Protein backbone atom coordinates (compact mmCIF):
# COMPACT_ATOMS: atom_id res chain seq x y z
CA UNK A 1 -18.12 3.21 -49.21
CA UNK A 2 -16.05 6.29 -48.40
CA UNK A 3 -13.51 5.47 -45.67
CA UNK A 4 -11.23 8.37 -44.73
CA UNK A 5 -8.88 7.92 -41.78
CA UNK A 6 -7.25 11.26 -42.66
CA UNK A 7 -8.97 14.57 -43.29
CA UNK A 8 -9.89 15.47 -46.85
CA UNK A 9 -11.76 18.14 -48.78
CA UNK A 10 -11.17 17.64 -52.51
CA UNK A 11 -10.66 13.88 -52.68
CA UNK A 12 -13.59 12.88 -50.48
CA UNK A 13 -15.94 15.49 -51.94
CA UNK A 14 -15.02 14.78 -55.56
CA UNK A 15 -15.51 11.03 -55.08
CA UNK A 16 -18.91 11.73 -53.49
CA UNK A 17 -19.87 14.09 -56.31
CA UNK A 18 -18.62 11.58 -58.88
CA UNK A 19 -20.74 8.77 -57.46
CA UNK A 20 -23.80 11.04 -57.22
CA UNK A 21 -23.42 12.10 -60.86
CA UNK A 22 -23.21 8.46 -61.85
CA UNK A 23 -26.52 7.84 -60.11
CA UNK A 24 -25.07 6.04 -57.10
CA UNK A 25 -25.02 6.69 -53.37
CA UNK A 26 -22.21 7.14 -50.88
CA UNK A 27 -21.95 5.33 -47.56
CA UNK A 28 -19.68 7.44 -45.38
CA UNK A 29 -17.41 6.06 -42.67
CA UNK A 30 -16.00 8.23 -39.90
CA UNK A 31 -13.12 6.98 -37.79
CA UNK A 32 -14.23 9.20 -34.92
CA UNK A 33 -17.72 7.68 -34.71
CA UNK A 34 -16.97 4.11 -35.80
CA UNK A 35 -15.87 0.96 -34.00
CA UNK A 36 -12.28 1.97 -34.67
CA UNK A 37 -12.66 3.77 -31.34
CA UNK A 38 -13.32 0.36 -29.77
CA UNK A 39 -10.19 -1.14 -31.26
CA UNK A 40 -11.50 -2.58 -34.53
CA UNK A 41 -8.76 -3.32 -37.06
CA UNK A 42 -8.53 -1.75 -40.49
CA UNK A 43 -9.02 -5.15 -42.13
CA UNK A 44 -12.23 -5.80 -40.19
CA UNK A 45 -13.59 -2.31 -40.85
CA UNK A 46 -12.94 -2.62 -44.59
CA UNK A 47 -14.46 -6.09 -44.79
CA UNK A 48 -17.53 -4.87 -42.94
CA UNK A 49 -18.02 -1.83 -45.16
CA UNK A 50 -17.57 -3.97 -48.26
CA UNK A 51 -20.66 -5.92 -47.18
CA UNK A 52 -22.75 -2.81 -47.82
CA UNK A 53 -21.01 -1.26 -50.85
CA UNK A 54 -19.87 -2.12 -54.37
CA UNK A 55 -16.55 -0.26 -54.10
CA UNK A 56 -14.43 1.06 -51.23
CA UNK A 57 -12.56 4.37 -51.42
CA UNK A 58 -9.94 4.36 -48.67
CA UNK A 59 -7.51 6.92 -47.26
CA UNK A 60 -5.21 5.95 -44.40
CA UNK A 61 -2.19 7.59 -42.71
CA UNK A 62 -0.03 4.48 -42.96
CA UNK A 63 1.86 3.90 -46.25
CA UNK A 64 0.87 0.56 -47.73
CA UNK A 65 -2.29 0.31 -45.64
CA UNK A 66 -4.61 0.53 -48.64
CA UNK A 67 -2.81 -2.30 -50.43
CA UNK A 68 -3.02 -4.41 -47.28
CA UNK A 69 -6.71 -3.63 -46.83
CA UNK A 70 -7.43 -4.63 -50.43
CA UNK A 71 -6.18 -8.13 -49.64
CA UNK A 72 -8.92 -8.45 -47.03
CA UNK A 73 -11.72 -7.01 -49.15
CA UNK A 74 -13.97 -8.76 -51.67
CA UNK A 75 -14.85 -5.45 -53.33
CA UNK A 76 -12.60 -3.17 -55.42
CA UNK A 77 -10.55 -0.81 -53.23
CA UNK A 78 -9.43 2.58 -54.56
CA UNK A 79 -6.43 4.25 -52.94
CA UNK A 80 -7.41 7.79 -51.92
CA UNK A 81 -4.01 8.41 -50.33
CA UNK A 82 -1.89 6.36 -47.94
CA UNK A 83 0.08 8.67 -45.68
CA UNK A 84 3.36 9.75 -47.26
CA UNK A 85 3.12 6.91 -49.76
CA UNK A 86 1.02 7.31 -52.89
CA UNK A 87 -2.04 9.13 -54.25
CA UNK A 88 -2.78 7.40 -57.59
CA UNK A 89 -6.07 9.11 -58.46
CA UNK A 90 -4.47 12.51 -57.96
CA UNK A 91 -1.77 11.54 -60.46
CA UNK A 92 -4.45 10.55 -62.97
CA UNK A 93 -6.25 13.87 -62.67
CA UNK A 94 -2.92 15.72 -62.84
CA UNK A 95 -2.02 14.04 -66.13
CA UNK A 96 -5.51 14.81 -67.45
CA UNK A 97 -5.13 18.45 -66.40
CA UNK A 98 -1.78 18.79 -68.17
CA UNK A 99 -3.31 17.38 -71.35
CA UNK A 100 -6.33 19.66 -71.09
CA UNK A 101 -4.21 22.76 -70.46
CA UNK A 102 -1.29 22.15 -72.83
CA UNK A 103 -2.64 19.62 -75.33
CA UNK A 104 -0.04 16.94 -74.58
CA UNK A 105 2.24 15.58 -71.88
CA UNK A 106 5.11 14.46 -74.11
CA UNK A 107 7.93 16.95 -74.43
CA UNK A 108 7.01 18.89 -71.30
CA UNK A 109 9.27 20.02 -68.47
CA UNK A 110 7.51 19.51 -65.14
CA UNK A 111 8.91 21.22 -62.06
CA UNK A 112 7.77 19.97 -58.65
CA UNK A 113 8.23 22.33 -55.71
CA UNK A 114 7.92 22.04 -51.94
CA UNK A 115 7.65 19.05 -49.63
CA UNK A 116 8.66 16.30 -52.02
CA UNK A 117 9.59 13.93 -49.19
CA UNK A 118 6.13 13.71 -47.63
CA UNK A 119 4.07 14.65 -50.69
CA UNK A 120 2.29 11.51 -51.86
CA UNK A 121 0.90 13.42 -54.84
CA UNK A 122 4.34 14.08 -56.32
CA UNK A 123 5.44 10.49 -55.65
CA UNK A 124 2.59 9.13 -57.75
CA UNK A 125 2.85 11.84 -60.40
CA UNK A 126 6.60 11.34 -60.92
CA UNK A 127 6.08 7.60 -61.34
CA UNK A 128 3.15 7.99 -63.73
CA UNK A 129 5.05 10.53 -65.83
CA UNK A 130 7.55 7.80 -66.75
CA UNK A 131 4.91 6.72 -69.27
CA UNK A 132 5.75 9.89 -71.22
CA UNK A 133 8.81 11.70 -72.60
CA UNK A 134 9.29 14.43 -70.03
CA UNK A 135 11.93 16.29 -68.06
CA UNK A 136 11.42 16.34 -64.30
CA UNK A 137 12.75 19.10 -62.06
CA UNK A 138 12.70 19.04 -58.28
CA UNK A 139 12.88 22.10 -56.00
CA UNK A 140 12.80 21.34 -52.28
CA UNK A 141 14.55 22.09 -48.99
CA UNK A 142 17.50 19.69 -48.49
CA UNK A 143 15.61 17.73 -45.83
CA UNK A 144 12.51 17.39 -48.03
CA UNK A 145 14.00 16.12 -51.30
CA UNK A 146 12.22 13.59 -53.49
CA UNK A 147 12.70 10.16 -51.83
CA UNK A 148 15.50 7.97 -53.25
CA UNK A 149 12.97 5.20 -53.91
CA UNK A 150 10.94 7.45 -56.22
CA UNK A 151 14.01 8.81 -57.98
CA UNK A 152 15.33 5.27 -58.43
CA UNK A 153 12.02 4.07 -59.89
CA UNK A 154 11.88 6.99 -62.30
CA UNK A 155 15.50 6.35 -63.30
CA UNK A 156 14.77 2.66 -63.84
CA UNK A 157 12.14 3.64 -66.40
CA UNK A 158 14.71 5.49 -68.51
CA UNK A 159 14.69 8.93 -66.94
CA UNK A 160 18.26 9.93 -66.08
CA UNK A 161 19.28 11.49 -62.77
CA UNK A 162 21.32 14.70 -62.98
CA UNK A 163 22.96 16.19 -59.91
CA UNK A 164 21.69 19.57 -58.66
CA UNK A 165 22.41 22.46 -61.03
CA UNK A 166 24.55 20.24 -63.29
CA UNK A 167 23.64 20.16 -67.00
CA UNK A 168 23.71 16.82 -68.74
CA UNK A 169 27.03 16.85 -70.61
CA UNK A 170 26.08 13.73 -72.51
CA UNK A 171 22.89 15.34 -73.72
CA UNK A 172 24.58 18.62 -74.55
CA UNK A 173 27.37 16.90 -76.51
CA UNK A 174 24.77 15.22 -78.69
CA UNK A 175 23.67 18.66 -79.87
CA UNK A 176 27.15 19.87 -80.83
CA UNK A 177 27.57 20.16 -84.59
CA UNK A 178 23.90 19.44 -85.32
CA UNK A 179 21.87 22.00 -87.20
CA UNK A 180 18.74 20.11 -86.19
CA UNK A 181 18.35 17.91 -83.09
CA UNK A 182 18.15 14.21 -83.78
CA UNK A 183 15.49 11.98 -82.24
CA UNK A 184 18.14 10.47 -79.96
CA UNK A 185 19.31 13.87 -78.71
CA UNK A 186 15.75 15.02 -78.10
CA UNK A 187 15.07 11.92 -76.02
CA UNK A 188 18.28 12.48 -74.05
CA UNK A 189 17.27 16.04 -73.19
CA UNK A 190 13.70 15.14 -72.29
CA UNK A 191 14.31 12.11 -70.11
CA UNK A 192 16.02 13.84 -67.19
CA UNK A 193 15.61 14.27 -63.44
CA UNK A 194 17.24 17.44 -62.16
CA UNK A 195 17.35 19.14 -58.77
CA UNK A 196 17.37 22.93 -58.36
CA UNK A 197 17.80 25.20 -55.36
CA UNK A 198 15.14 27.79 -56.27
CA UNK A 199 11.97 28.28 -58.28
CA UNK A 200 13.63 31.10 -60.21
CA UNK A 201 16.45 28.84 -61.35
CA UNK A 202 14.13 26.13 -62.65
CA UNK A 203 11.35 28.36 -63.98
CA UNK A 204 12.42 29.67 -67.43
CA UNK A 205 12.11 26.32 -69.23
CA UNK A 206 9.26 24.98 -67.11
CA UNK A 207 5.97 24.05 -68.79
CA UNK A 208 4.17 22.79 -65.67
CA UNK A 209 4.94 24.25 -62.24
CA UNK A 210 3.58 21.84 -59.63
CA UNK A 211 3.53 23.55 -56.23
CA UNK A 212 2.98 21.68 -52.95
CA UNK A 213 2.66 22.76 -49.33
CA UNK A 214 5.11 21.95 -46.54
CA UNK A 215 3.17 19.30 -44.60
CA UNK A 216 3.23 20.40 -40.99
CA UNK A 217 1.52 17.25 -39.75
CA UNK A 218 4.44 15.09 -40.93
CA UNK A 219 7.09 16.82 -38.80
CA UNK A 220 8.31 15.65 -35.42
CA UNK A 221 8.64 19.17 -34.03
CA UNK A 222 7.54 22.72 -34.70
CA UNK A 223 11.17 23.76 -35.04
CA UNK A 224 11.77 21.32 -37.90
CA UNK A 225 8.66 22.56 -39.69
CA UNK A 226 9.49 26.24 -39.27
CA UNK A 227 12.98 25.64 -40.65
CA UNK A 228 11.41 24.60 -43.98
CA UNK A 229 8.25 26.70 -44.06
CA UNK A 230 8.11 29.63 -46.46
CA UNK A 231 11.25 28.84 -48.45
CA UNK A 232 9.45 28.60 -51.79
CA UNK A 233 6.59 31.02 -52.45
CA UNK A 234 5.17 31.73 -55.90
CA UNK A 235 4.34 35.41 -56.42
CA UNK A 236 3.20 37.51 -59.40
CA UNK A 237 6.74 38.89 -59.62
CA UNK A 238 8.21 35.42 -60.02
CA UNK A 239 5.52 34.59 -62.58
CA UNK A 240 6.90 37.33 -64.85
CA UNK A 241 9.87 35.05 -65.50
CA UNK A 242 7.71 32.12 -66.58
CA UNK A 243 6.59 31.05 -70.04
CA UNK A 244 3.40 32.69 -71.26
CA UNK A 245 1.80 29.27 -71.68
CA UNK A 246 3.14 27.69 -68.51
CA UNK A 247 0.61 26.05 -66.19
CA UNK A 248 0.62 26.34 -62.40
CA UNK A 249 -0.83 23.33 -60.59
CA UNK A 250 -1.30 22.44 -56.92
CA UNK A 251 -2.94 19.35 -55.37
CA UNK A 252 -4.27 21.59 -52.57
CA UNK A 253 -4.71 22.58 -49.86
CA UNK A 254 -2.36 25.51 -50.14
CA UNK A 255 -1.01 27.40 -47.16
CA UNK A 256 1.18 30.27 -48.34
CA UNK A 257 3.23 28.70 -51.15
CA UNK A 258 1.13 30.39 -53.85
CA UNK A 259 0.23 34.02 -53.32
CA UNK A 260 -3.52 34.64 -53.72
CA UNK A 261 -2.62 37.34 -56.25
CA UNK A 262 -1.55 34.55 -58.61
CA UNK A 263 -5.13 33.22 -58.73
CA UNK A 264 -6.15 35.76 -61.37
CA UNK A 265 -3.31 34.73 -63.68
CA UNK A 266 -4.77 32.62 -66.54
CA UNK A 267 -1.87 30.21 -66.06
CA UNK A 268 -3.16 29.33 -62.58
CA UNK A 269 -4.90 26.01 -63.19
CA UNK A 270 -5.26 24.60 -59.68
CA UNK A 271 -8.99 25.15 -59.31
CA UNK A 272 -9.61 23.74 -62.79
CA UNK A 273 -7.38 20.88 -61.68
CA UNK A 274 -9.60 20.29 -58.63
CA UNK A 275 -12.70 20.18 -60.84
CA UNK A 276 -11.01 17.67 -63.14
CA UNK A 277 -10.70 15.39 -60.13
CA UNK A 278 -14.44 14.80 -60.19
CA UNK A 279 -14.46 13.82 -63.87
CA UNK A 280 -11.49 11.47 -63.52
CA UNK A 281 -13.04 9.82 -60.48
CA UNK A 282 -16.34 9.44 -62.30
CA UNK A 283 -14.48 7.61 -65.07
CA UNK A 284 -12.58 5.48 -62.57
CA UNK A 285 -15.68 4.49 -60.62
CA UNK A 286 -17.59 3.69 -63.80
CA UNK A 287 -14.70 1.54 -65.04
CA UNK A 288 -14.27 -0.30 -61.75
CA UNK A 289 -18.00 -0.94 -61.50
CA UNK A 290 -18.19 -2.20 -65.08
CA UNK A 291 -20.29 0.67 -66.41
CA UNK A 292 -17.97 1.31 -69.39
C-alpha cells in the first residue's frame, strides 16, 4: 500500500516501479479522496490499508508519525519521509550512489549544502554516514543549520564537531613531525563535522557535494523564505574549483540551487542517484517481504 500524505515524485514512483519489477501490485491511497477528509485518524487509515496489502509505504508531514503508525499496523511499515524528520530509504540510496560513483564511502569528505534544518534527507544521511570513516561539512544559512540533535547524534558516534571555519588543531598537531600519517591521525582527520559559510570555501577537498533546495513549504512567511533563497547556487564556474572526480548529488526536486548547465558535467550524478532509488527500494521490499 502506497500512502502519501505529502506530495512526491521520485519516492512514490520508484517504490511503485520497484514493486512492479518484483512482480507485485501497488494499492494507492490518496489523502484527498480518502476518509481522511471525513476525519479518519492516521492509525485507522494505516490499519485499514494493511488489511489489503503485505507492506505499507508511508509518507506523512508530521515527524515521528510513521513510527507511531507502525505501532498500529500488523504489516511492515516503510518510512518514505516524515516531515522534517527522517527519510531512511533516501539515505540508503545515497550511500549506494556514493559507492557506485566513487567505489567506497570510507575516507570521503561529504559536503551538505542548503536547507539542513528542514531537510530530512540530510538528517538521515548524516546519521547513516556514522557507519563509515568520513568527514562531514555543512554549508547553510545561519537559520537553516543542521539541527543540534543530528549534530549531537553524529558526534556521539565518534565524529567530532569543529566550529565554523576552524581547523582541528588536535588533528593537525598529530601530523606534525610525521613523514607518513599514522592510522590514528587519519581517523582524527576523517571523523569531523565542520561548518562553512560558502560552497567555494568547502569545495576544494570535497568528494561528494550534496545539494538541497530551500524548502519553501516549511517557512512561516514568504519574507523568511526569500531571506534564505538563492544563497547557495552551484554553477559551472564554481565546478571548476572542484575535484575532477567529485560527485554532485541532490535528493530532488531542485529549484535553482543547481544550474541546469551543470547537468552535462559527468560529475553530476543526481539523475543516476534517482534511478538508484528504484533498485534500493526493490531490494528493501524484497527483504521485508522475505523474498531474499
